[in-house]
PDB file of N, CA and C in Angstrom:
ATOM      1  N   ASP A   1      12.363  22.523   6.757  1.00  0.00           N
ATOM      2  CA  ASP A   1      11.494  23.643   7.011  1.00  0.00           C
ATOM      3  C   ASP A   1      12.042  24.408   8.217  1.00  0.00           C
ATOM      4  N   ALA A   2      12.206  25.685   8.079  1.00  0.00           N
ATOM      5  CA  ALA A   2      12.782  26.507   9.143  1.00  0.00           C
ATOM      6  C   ALA A   2      11.886  26.579  10.369  1.00  0.00           C
ATOM      7  N   VAL A   3      10.594  26.452  10.187  1.00  0.00           N
ATOM      8  CA  VAL A   3       9.661  26.562  11.305  1.00  0.00           C
ATOM      9  C   VAL A   3       9.565  25.261  12.092  1.00  0.00           C
ATOM     10  N   THR A   4       9.375  24.154  11.403  1.00  0.00           N
ATOM     11  CA  THR A   4       9.161  22.874  12.087  1.00  0.00           C
ATOM     12  C   THR A   4      10.438  22.062  12.259  1.00  0.00           C
ATOM     13  N   GLY A   5      11.461  22.358  11.488  1.00  0.00           N
ATOM     14  CA  GLY A   5      12.690  21.575  11.552  1.00  0.00           C
ATOM     15  C   GLY A   5      12.601  20.262  10.803  1.00  0.00           C
ATOM     16  N   ARG A   6      11.518  20.050  10.107  1.00  0.00           N
ATOM     17  CA  ARG A   6      11.337  18.806   9.341  1.00  0.00           C
ATOM     18  C   ARG A   6      11.685  19.028   7.886  1.00  0.00           C
ATOM     19  N   ARG A   7      12.231  17.988   7.281  1.00  0.00           N
ATOM     20  CA  ARG A   7      12.517  18.052   5.856  1.00  0.00           C
ATOM     21  C   ARG A   7      11.246  17.868   5.065  1.00  0.00           C
ATOM     22  N   LYS A   8      11.203  18.486   3.915  1.00  0.00           N
ATOM     23  CA  LYS A   8      10.075  18.285   3.016  1.00  0.00           C
ATOM     24  C   LYS A   8      10.331  17.011   2.228  1.00  0.00           C
ATOM     25  N   ALA A   9       9.271  16.311   1.919  1.00  0.00           N
ATOM     26  CA  ALA A   9       9.425  15.046   1.213  1.00  0.00           C
ATOM     27  C   ALA A   9       8.237  14.806   0.297  1.00  0.00           C
ATOM     28  N   LEU A  10       8.464  13.971  -0.668  1.00  0.00           N
ATOM     29  CA  LEU A  10       7.417  13.553  -1.595  1.00  0.00           C
ATOM     30  C   LEU A  10       7.384  12.034  -1.563  1.00  0.00           C
ATOM     31  N   TYR A  11       6.213  11.485  -1.375  1.00  0.00           N
ATOM     32  CA  TYR A  11       6.051  10.035  -1.316  1.00  0.00           C
ATOM     33  C   TYR A  11       5.136   9.613  -2.445  1.00  0.00           C
ATOM     34  N   GLU A  12       5.636   8.759  -3.292  1.00  0.00           N
ATOM     35  CA  GLU A  12       4.822   8.258  -4.390  1.00  0.00           C
ATOM     36  C   GLU A  12       5.383   6.934  -4.873  1.00  0.00           C
ATOM     37  N   PRO A  13       4.516   6.077  -5.357  1.00  0.00           N
ATOM     38  CA  PRO A  13       5.025   4.859  -5.989  1.00  0.00           C
ATOM     39  C   PRO A  13       5.699   5.265  -7.293  1.00  0.00           C
ATOM     40  N   VAL A  14       6.801   4.676  -7.613  1.00  0.00           N
ATOM     41  CA  VAL A  14       7.569   5.108  -8.778  1.00  0.00           C
ATOM     42  C   VAL A  14       7.308   4.267 -10.024  1.00  0.00           C
ATOM     43  N   HIS A  15       6.289   3.447  -9.975  1.00  0.00           N
ATOM     44  CA  HIS A  15       6.026   2.582 -11.117  1.00  0.00           C
ATOM     45  C   HIS A  15       5.314   3.291 -12.256  1.00  0.00           C
ATOM     46  N   GLY A  16       4.908   4.514 -12.051  1.00  0.00           N
ATOM     47  CA  GLY A  16       4.241   5.265 -13.106  1.00  0.00           C
ATOM     48  C   GLY A  16       2.734   5.145 -13.033  1.00  0.00           C
ATOM     49  N   SER A  17       2.079   5.813 -13.944  1.00  0.00           N
ATOM     50  CA  SER A  17       0.624   5.872 -13.913  1.00  0.00           C
ATOM     51  C   SER A  17      -0.050   4.708 -14.635  1.00  0.00           C
ATOM     52  N   ALA A  18       0.687   3.933 -15.389  1.00  0.00           N
ATOM     53  CA  ALA A  18       0.163   2.767 -16.106  1.00  0.00           C
ATOM     54  C   ALA A  18      -1.100   3.083 -16.898  1.00  0.00           C
ATOM     55  N   PRO A  19      -1.024   4.040 -17.814  1.00  0.00           N
ATOM     56  CA  PRO A  19      -2.230   4.413 -18.564  1.00  0.00           C
ATOM     57  C   PRO A  19      -2.811   3.266 -19.383  1.00  0.00           C
ATOM     58  N   ASP A  20      -1.993   2.282 -19.693  1.00  0.00           N
ATOM     59  CA  ASP A  20      -2.486   1.151 -20.484  1.00  0.00           C
ATOM     60  C   ASP A  20      -3.468   0.275 -19.718  1.00  0.00           C
ATOM     61  N   ILE A  21      -3.457   0.363 -18.385  1.00  0.00           N
ATOM     62  CA  ILE A  21      -4.415  -0.437 -17.600  1.00  0.00           C
ATOM     63  C   ILE A  21      -5.352   0.433 -16.775  1.00  0.00           C
ATOM     64  N   ALA A  22      -5.306   1.742 -16.984  1.00  0.00           N
ATOM     65  CA  ALA A  22      -6.157   2.658 -16.212  1.00  0.00           C
ATOM     66  C   ALA A  22      -7.622   2.262 -16.330  1.00  0.00           C
ATOM     67  N   GLY A  23      -8.289   2.198 -15.201  1.00  0.00           N
ATOM     68  CA  GLY A  23      -9.708   1.895 -15.156  1.00  0.00           C
ATOM     69  C   GLY A  23     -10.060   0.425 -15.298  1.00  0.00           C
ATOM     70  N   SER A  24      -9.055  -0.428 -15.453  1.00  0.00           N
ATOM     71  CA  SER A  24      -9.331  -1.849 -15.667  1.00  0.00           C
ATOM     72  C   SER A  24      -9.408  -2.648 -14.367  1.00  0.00           C
ATOM     73  N   GLY A  25      -8.998  -2.032 -13.243  1.00  0.00           N
ATOM     74  CA  GLY A  25      -9.016  -2.755 -11.967  1.00  0.00           C
ATOM     75  C   GLY A  25      -7.866  -3.720 -11.814  1.00  0.00           C
ATOM     76  N   ARG A  26      -6.823  -3.574 -12.640  1.00  0.00           N
ATOM     77  CA  ARG A  26      -5.691  -4.499 -12.578  1.00  0.00           C
ATOM     78  C   ARG A  26      -4.468  -3.910 -11.890  1.00  0.00           C
ATOM     79  N   ALA A  27      -4.523  -2.646 -11.498  1.00  0.00           N
ATOM     80  CA  ALA A  27      -3.359  -2.009 -10.865  1.00  0.00           C
ATOM     81  C   ALA A  27      -3.159  -2.550  -9.453  1.00  0.00           C
ATOM     82  N   ASN A  28      -1.915  -2.669  -9.065  1.00  0.00           N
ATOM     83  CA  ASN A  28      -1.570  -3.111  -7.728  1.00  0.00           C
ATOM     84  C   ASN A  28      -1.544  -1.878  -6.815  1.00  0.00           C
ATOM     85  N   PRO A  29      -2.393  -1.837  -5.783  1.00  0.00           N
ATOM     86  CA  PRO A  29      -2.454  -0.657  -4.920  1.00  0.00           C
ATOM     87  C   PRO A  29      -1.401  -0.636  -3.813  1.00  0.00           C
ATOM     88  N   ILE A  30      -0.607  -1.676  -3.681  1.00  0.00           N
ATOM     89  CA  ILE A  30       0.288  -1.795  -2.529  1.00  0.00           C
ATOM     90  C   ILE A  30       1.300  -0.665  -2.469  1.00  0.00           C
ATOM     91  N   ALA A  31       1.914  -0.299  -3.575  1.00  0.00           N
ATOM     92  CA  ALA A  31       2.928   0.758  -3.540  1.00  0.00           C
ATOM     93  C   ALA A  31       2.328   2.092  -3.115  1.00  0.00           C
ATOM     94  N   MET A  32       1.143   2.390  -3.588  1.00  0.00           N
ATOM     95  CA  MET A  32       0.502   3.646  -3.191  1.00  0.00           C
ATOM     96  C   MET A  32       0.176   3.630  -1.702  1.00  0.00           C
ATOM     97  N   ILE A  33      -0.344   2.533  -1.223  1.00  0.00           N
ATOM     98  CA  ILE A  33      -0.679   2.432   0.201  1.00  0.00           C
ATOM     99  C   ILE A  33       0.590   2.494   1.050  1.00  0.00           C
ATOM    100  N   ALA A  34       1.651   1.832   0.601  1.00  0.00           N
ATOM    101  CA  ALA A  34       2.926   1.883   1.326  1.00  0.00           C
ATOM    102  C   ALA A  34       3.513   3.290   1.322  1.00  0.00           C
ATOM    103  N   SER A  35       3.257   4.061   0.270  1.00  0.00           N
ATOM    104  CA  SER A  35       3.718   5.454   0.223  1.00  0.00           C
ATOM    105  C   SER A  35       3.067   6.273   1.327  1.00  0.00           C
ATOM    106  N   VAL A  36       1.797   6.009   1.574  1.00  0.00           N
ATOM    107  CA  VAL A  36       1.110   6.687   2.681  1.00  0.00           C
ATOM    108  C   VAL A  36       1.786   6.308   4.002  1.00  0.00           C
ATOM    109  N   GLY A  37       2.125   5.044   4.138  1.00  0.00           N
ATOM    110  CA  GLY A  37       2.825   4.595   5.343  1.00  0.00           C
ATOM    111  C   GLY A  37       4.157   5.302   5.536  1.00  0.00           C
ATOM    112  N   MET A  38       4.874   5.508   4.444  1.00  0.00           N
ATOM    113  CA  MET A  38       6.145   6.230   4.529  1.00  0.00           C
ATOM    114  C   MET A  38       5.928   7.676   4.977  1.00  0.00           C
ATOM    115  N   ALA A  39       4.895   8.314   4.453  1.00  0.00           N
ATOM    116  CA  ALA A  39       4.591   9.683   4.874  1.00  0.00           C
ATOM    117  C   ALA A  39       4.243   9.719   6.363  1.00  0.00           C
ATOM    118  N   LEU A  40       3.435   8.759   6.806  1.00  0.00           N
ATOM    119  CA  LEU A  40       3.096   8.696   8.228  1.00  0.00           C
ATOM    120  C   LEU A  40       4.360   8.569   9.078  1.00  0.00           C
ATOM    121  N   ARG A  41       5.254   7.695   8.658  1.00  0.00           N
ATOM    122  CA  ARG A  41       6.468   7.415   9.426  1.00  0.00           C
ATOM    123  C   ARG A  41       7.456   8.593   9.397  1.00  0.00           C
ATOM    124  N   TYR A  42       7.801   9.045   8.213  1.00  0.00           N
ATOM    125  CA  TYR A  42       8.923   9.963   8.069  1.00  0.00           C
ATOM    126  C   TYR A  42       8.555  11.441   8.108  1.00  0.00           C
ATOM    127  N   SER A  43       7.356  11.795   7.745  1.00  0.00           N
ATOM    128  CA  SER A  43       6.974  13.209   7.768  1.00  0.00           C
ATOM    129  C   SER A  43       6.119  13.572   8.969  1.00  0.00           C
ATOM    130  N   PHE A  44       5.303  12.624   9.422  1.00  0.00           N
ATOM    131  CA  PHE A  44       4.380  12.942  10.496  1.00  0.00           C
ATOM    132  C   PHE A  44       4.747  12.303  11.830  1.00  0.00           C
ATOM    133  N   GLY A  45       5.780  11.475  11.841  1.00  0.00           N
ATOM    134  CA  GLY A  45       6.205  10.842  13.085  1.00  0.00           C
ATOM    135  C   GLY A  45       5.189   9.889  13.669  1.00  0.00           C
ATOM    136  N   MET A  46       4.299   9.381  12.843  1.00  0.00           N
ATOM    137  CA  MET A  46       3.236   8.477  13.302  1.00  0.00           C
ATOM    138  C   MET A  46       3.699   7.028  13.108  1.00  0.00           C
ATOM    139  N   ILE A  47       4.675   6.641  13.915  1.00  0.00           N
ATOM    140  CA  ILE A  47       5.345   5.357  13.762  1.00  0.00           C
ATOM    141  C   ILE A  47       4.382   4.187  13.976  1.00  0.00           C
ATOM    142  N   GLU A  48       3.578   4.251  15.017  1.00  0.00           N
ATOM    143  CA  GLU A  48       2.646   3.157  15.316  1.00  0.00           C
ATOM    144  C   GLU A  48       1.662   2.953  14.166  1.00  0.00           C
ATOM    145  N   GLU A  49       1.151   4.046  13.635  1.00  0.00           N
ATOM    146  CA  GLU A  49       0.195   3.963  12.534  1.00  0.00           C
ATOM    147  C   GLU A  49       0.864   3.419  11.271  1.00  0.00           C
ATOM    148  N   ALA A  50       2.095   3.861  11.020  1.00  0.00           N
ATOM    149  CA  ALA A  50       2.839   3.354   9.863  1.00  0.00           C
ATOM    150  C   ALA A  50       3.101   1.855  10.008  1.00  0.00           C
ATOM    151  N   ASP A  51       3.461   1.431  11.215  1.00  0.00           N
ATOM    152  CA  ASP A  51       3.678   0.001  11.461  1.00  0.00           C
ATOM    153  C   ASP A  51       2.403  -0.798  11.225  1.00  0.00           C
ATOM    154  N   LEU A  52       1.268  -0.263  11.678  1.00  0.00           N
ATOM    155  CA  LEU A  52      -0.009  -0.943  11.454  1.00  0.00           C
ATOM    156  C   LEU A  52      -0.295  -1.096   9.965  1.00  0.00           C
ATOM    157  N   LEU A  53      -0.044  -0.044   9.210  1.00  0.00           N
ATOM    158  CA  LEU A  53      -0.287  -0.106   7.775  1.00  0.00           C
ATOM    159  C   LEU A  53       0.638  -1.112   7.106  1.00  0.00           C
ATOM    160  N   ASP A  54       1.914  -1.092   7.461  1.00  0.00           N
ATOM    161  CA  ASP A  54       2.861  -2.068   6.903  1.00  0.00           C
ATOM    162  C   ASP A  54       2.450  -3.496   7.258  1.00  0.00           C
ATOM    163  N   ASN A  55       2.025  -3.683   8.500  1.00  0.00           N
ATOM    164  CA  ASN A  55       1.603  -5.016   8.937  1.00  0.00           C
ATOM    165  C   ASN A  55       0.327  -5.464   8.235  1.00  0.00           C
ATOM    166  N   ALA A  56      -0.559  -4.526   7.933  1.00  0.00           N
ATOM    167  CA  ALA A  56      -1.784  -4.866   7.206  1.00  0.00           C
ATOM    168  C   ALA A  56      -1.453  -5.307   5.778  1.00  0.00           C
ATOM    169  N   ILE A  57      -0.517  -4.643   5.137  1.00  0.00           N
ATOM    170  CA  ILE A  57      -0.090  -5.061   3.803  1.00  0.00           C
ATOM    171  C   ILE A  57       0.478  -6.475   3.874  1.00  0.00           C
ATOM    172  N   SER A  58       1.340  -6.706   4.846  1.00  0.00           N
ATOM    173  CA  SER A  58       1.933  -8.045   5.006  1.00  0.00           C
ATOM    174  C   SER A  58       0.872  -9.098   5.285  1.00  0.00           C
ATOM    175  N   ALA A  59      -0.102  -8.760   6.114  1.00  0.00           N
ATOM    176  CA  ALA A  59      -1.165  -9.717   6.447  1.00  0.00           C
ATOM    177  C   ALA A  59      -1.979 -10.079   5.210  1.00  0.00           C
ATOM    178  N   ALA A  60      -2.284  -9.095   4.380  1.00  0.00           N
ATOM    179  CA  ALA A  60      -3.028  -9.377   3.152  1.00  0.00           C
ATOM    180  C   ALA A  60      -2.214 -10.289   2.237  1.00  0.00           C
ATOM    181  N   LEU A  61      -0.931 -10.014   2.125  1.00  0.00           N
ATOM    182  CA  LEU A  61      -0.073 -10.854   1.284  1.00  0.00           C
ATOM    183  C   LEU A  61       0.107 -12.250   1.880  1.00  0.00           C
ATOM    184  N   ASP A  62       0.114 -12.330   3.201  1.00  0.00           N
ATOM    185  CA  ASP A  62       0.265 -13.632   3.870  1.00  0.00           C
ATOM    186  C   ASP A  62      -0.888 -14.580   3.566  1.00  0.00           C
ATOM    187  N   THR A  63      -2.028 -14.047   3.147  1.00  0.00           N
ATOM    188  CA  THR A  63      -3.156 -14.904   2.788  1.00  0.00           C
ATOM    189  C   THR A  63      -2.953 -15.561   1.428  1.00  0.00           C
ATOM    190  N   GLY A  64      -1.914 -15.110   0.710  1.00  0.00           N
ATOM    191  CA  GLY A  64      -1.661 -15.636  -0.625  1.00  0.00           C
ATOM    192  C   GLY A  64      -2.269 -14.779  -1.725  1.00  0.00           C
ATOM    193  N   MET A  65      -2.996 -13.757  -1.349  1.00  0.00           N
ATOM    194  CA  MET A  65      -3.632 -12.874  -2.317  1.00  0.00           C
ATOM    195  C   MET A  65      -2.560 -12.131  -3.115  1.00  0.00           C
ATOM    196  N   ARG A  66      -2.751 -12.072  -4.442  1.00  0.00           N
ATOM    197  CA  ARG A  66      -1.806 -11.391  -5.316  1.00  0.00           C
ATOM    198  C   ARG A  66      -2.532 -10.715  -6.467  1.00  0.00           C
ATOM    199  N   THR A  67      -2.040  -9.536  -6.836  1.00  0.00           N
ATOM    200  CA  THR A  67      -2.481  -8.913  -8.080  1.00  0.00           C
ATOM    201  C   THR A  67      -1.654  -9.529  -9.202  1.00  0.00           C
ATOM    202  N   GLY A  68      -2.112  -9.338 -10.432  1.00  0.00           N
ATOM    203  CA  GLY A  68      -1.481  -9.987 -11.567  1.00  0.00           C
ATOM    204  C   GLY A  68      -0.003  -9.713 -11.735  1.00  0.00           C
ATOM    205  N   ASP A  69       0.452  -8.535 -11.343  1.00  0.00           N
ATOM    206  CA  ASP A  69       1.858  -8.185 -11.543  1.00  0.00           C
ATOM    207  C   ASP A  69       2.809  -8.898 -10.602  1.00  0.00           C
ATOM    208  N   ILE A  70       2.307  -9.427  -9.490  1.00  0.00           N
ATOM    209  CA  ILE A  70       3.187 -10.108  -8.529  1.00  0.00           C
ATOM    210  C   ILE A  70       2.810 -11.571  -8.309  1.00  0.00           C
ATOM    211  N   ALA A  71       1.854 -12.059  -9.061  1.00  0.00           N
ATOM    212  CA  ALA A  71       1.406 -13.450  -8.902  1.00  0.00           C
ATOM    213  C   ALA A  71       2.297 -14.387  -9.700  1.00  0.00           C
ATOM    214  N   PRO A  72       2.640 -15.525  -9.114  1.00  0.00           N
ATOM    215  CA  PRO A  72       3.356 -16.531  -9.891  1.00  0.00           C
ATOM    216  C   PRO A  72       2.475 -17.026 -11.043  1.00  0.00           C
ATOM    217  N   ASP A  73       3.102 -17.448 -12.104  1.00  0.00           N
ATOM    218  CA  ASP A  73       2.344 -17.965 -13.243  1.00  0.00           C
ATOM    219  C   ASP A  73       1.408 -19.082 -12.805  1.00  0.00           C
ATOM    220  N   GLY A  74       0.201 -19.042 -13.340  1.00  0.00           N
ATOM    221  CA  GLY A  74      -0.767 -20.099 -13.085  1.00  0.00           C
ATOM    222  C   GLY A  74      -1.537 -19.974 -11.787  1.00  0.00           C
ATOM    223  N   THR A  75      -1.357 -18.880 -11.059  1.00  0.00           N
ATOM    224  CA  THR A  75      -2.099 -18.726  -9.811  1.00  0.00           C
ATOM    225  C   THR A  75      -3.239 -17.731 -10.000  1.00  0.00           C
ATOM    226  N   ASP A  76      -4.223 -17.827  -9.126  1.00  0.00           N
ATOM    227  CA  ASP A  76      -5.348 -16.897  -9.169  1.00  0.00           C
ATOM    228  C   ASP A  76      -4.885 -15.510  -8.758  1.00  0.00           C
ATOM    229  N   THR A  77      -5.515 -14.511  -9.331  1.00  0.00           N
ATOM    230  CA  THR A  77      -5.174 -13.135  -8.989  1.00  0.00           C
ATOM    231  C   THR A  77      -6.424 -12.366  -8.582  1.00  0.00           C
ATOM    232  N   VAL A  78      -6.204 -11.244  -7.934  1.00  0.00           N
ATOM    233  CA  VAL A  78      -7.288 -10.338  -7.564  1.00  0.00           C
ATOM    234  C   VAL A  78      -7.007  -8.981  -8.206  1.00  0.00           C
ATOM    235  N   GLY A  79      -8.019  -8.140  -8.217  1.00  0.00           N
ATOM    236  CA  GLY A  79      -7.876  -6.814  -8.785  1.00  0.00           C
ATOM    237  C   GLY A  79      -7.559  -5.771  -7.729  1.00  0.00           C
ATOM    238  N   THR A  80      -7.528  -4.549  -8.178  1.00  0.00           N
ATOM    239  CA  THR A  80      -7.193  -3.410  -7.330  1.00  0.00           C
ATOM    240  C   THR A  80      -8.119  -3.319  -6.115  1.00  0.00           C
ATOM    241  N   GLU A  81      -9.402  -3.378  -6.355  1.00  0.00           N
ATOM    242  CA  GLU A  81     -10.357  -3.222  -5.253  1.00  0.00           C
ATOM    243  C   GLU A  81     -10.261  -4.358  -4.250  1.00  0.00           C
ATOM    244  N   GLU A  82     -10.085  -5.578  -4.730  1.00  0.00           N
ATOM    245  CA  GLU A  82      -9.995  -6.725  -3.818  1.00  0.00           C
ATOM    246  C   GLU A  82      -8.757  -6.630  -2.935  1.00  0.00           C
ATOM    247  N   MET A  83      -7.619  -6.241  -3.531  1.00  0.00           N
ATOM    248  CA  MET A  83      -6.391  -6.123  -2.737  1.00  0.00           C
ATOM    249  C   MET A  83      -6.517  -4.982  -1.738  1.00  0.00           C
ATOM    250  N   THR A  84      -7.074  -3.866  -2.170  1.00  0.00           N
ATOM    251  CA  THR A  84      -7.272  -2.744  -1.255  1.00  0.00           C
ATOM    252  C   THR A  84      -8.174  -3.142  -0.098  1.00  0.00           C
ATOM    253  N   ARG A  85      -9.266  -3.821  -0.388  1.00  0.00           N
ATOM    254  CA  ARG A  85     -10.195  -4.265   0.650  1.00  0.00           C
ATOM    255  C   ARG A  85      -9.507  -5.224   1.614  1.00  0.00           C
ATOM    256  N   ALA A  86      -8.673  -6.129   1.105  1.00  0.00           N
ATOM    257  CA  ALA A  86      -7.967  -7.070   1.974  1.00  0.00           C
ATOM    258  C   ALA A  86      -7.024  -6.335   2.923  1.00  0.00           C
ATOM    259  N   ILE A  87      -6.360  -5.303   2.431  1.00  0.00           N
ATOM    260  CA  ILE A  87      -5.460  -4.519   3.276  1.00  0.00           C
ATOM    261  C   ILE A  87      -6.253  -3.749   4.320  1.00  0.00           C
ATOM    262  N   LEU A  88      -7.354  -3.131   3.924  1.00  0.00           N
ATOM    263  CA  LEU A  88      -8.188  -2.398   4.873  1.00  0.00           C
ATOM    264  C   LEU A  88      -8.797  -3.318   5.921  1.00  0.00           C
ATOM    265  N   ASP A  89      -9.240  -4.501   5.499  1.00  0.00           N
ATOM    266  CA  ASP A  89      -9.788  -5.470   6.456  1.00  0.00           C
ATOM    267  C   ASP A  89      -8.719  -5.902   7.453  1.00  0.00           C
ATOM    268  N   ALA A  90      -7.505  -6.149   6.960  1.00  0.00           N
ATOM    269  CA  ALA A  90      -6.395  -6.529   7.851  1.00  0.00           C
ATOM    270  C   ALA A  90      -6.077  -5.386   8.813  1.00  0.00           C
ATOM    271  N   LEU A  91      -6.123  -4.166   8.316  1.00  0.00           N
ATOM    272  CA  LEU A  91      -5.865  -3.004   9.166  1.00  0.00           C
ATOM    273  C   LEU A  91      -6.910  -2.909  10.277  1.00  0.00           C
ATOM    274  N   ASP A  92      -8.167  -3.146   9.932  1.00  0.00           N
ATOM    275  CA  ASP A  92      -9.227  -3.137  10.941  1.00  0.00           C
ATOM    276  C   ASP A  92      -8.967  -4.167  12.032  1.00  0.00           C
ATOM    277  N   LYS A  93      -8.557  -5.360  11.624  1.00  0.00           N
ATOM    278  CA  LYS A  93      -8.294  -6.435  12.604  1.00  0.00           C
ATOM    279  C   LYS A  93      -7.099  -6.106  13.484  1.00  0.00           C
ATOM    280  N   LEU A  94      -6.048  -5.536  12.890  1.00  0.00           N
ATOM    281  CA  LEU A  94      -4.846  -5.206  13.655  1.00  0.00           C
ATOM    282  C   LEU A  94      -5.074  -4.051  14.618  1.00  0.00           C
ATOM    283  N   ASP A  95      -5.945  -3.141  14.222  1.00  0.00           N
ATOM    284  CA  ASP A  95      -6.190  -1.925  15.020  1.00  0.00           C
ATOM    285  C   ASP A  95      -7.270  -2.142  16.076  1.00  0.00           C
ATOM    286  N   ALA A  96      -7.895  -3.309  16.072  1.00  0.00           N
ATOM    287  CA  ALA A  96      -8.991  -3.580  17.014  1.00  0.00           C
ATOM    288  C   ALA A  96      -8.485  -3.796  18.432  1.00  0.00           C
TER     289      ALA A  96
END
């Protein structure tokens, strides 16, 4: 951009829209949330906030929580809302 000197960018998870599971609560929200973190880091220069978001994702995963697409066979899984809530809860704890 000639005014700000920043490059324009698009941040999105590249896994597609998954219309076959739309509305079922089985989508993994991590890529979308991480895309927001990338925008914070690379477009807005909000490094601390991006680090907090990345750390919240890691903290949620560190609990063993997994959506069906990343869970090992035979393990319990959570849905979209549960994983999102776990990430938001971790973010609250990290930002406190």
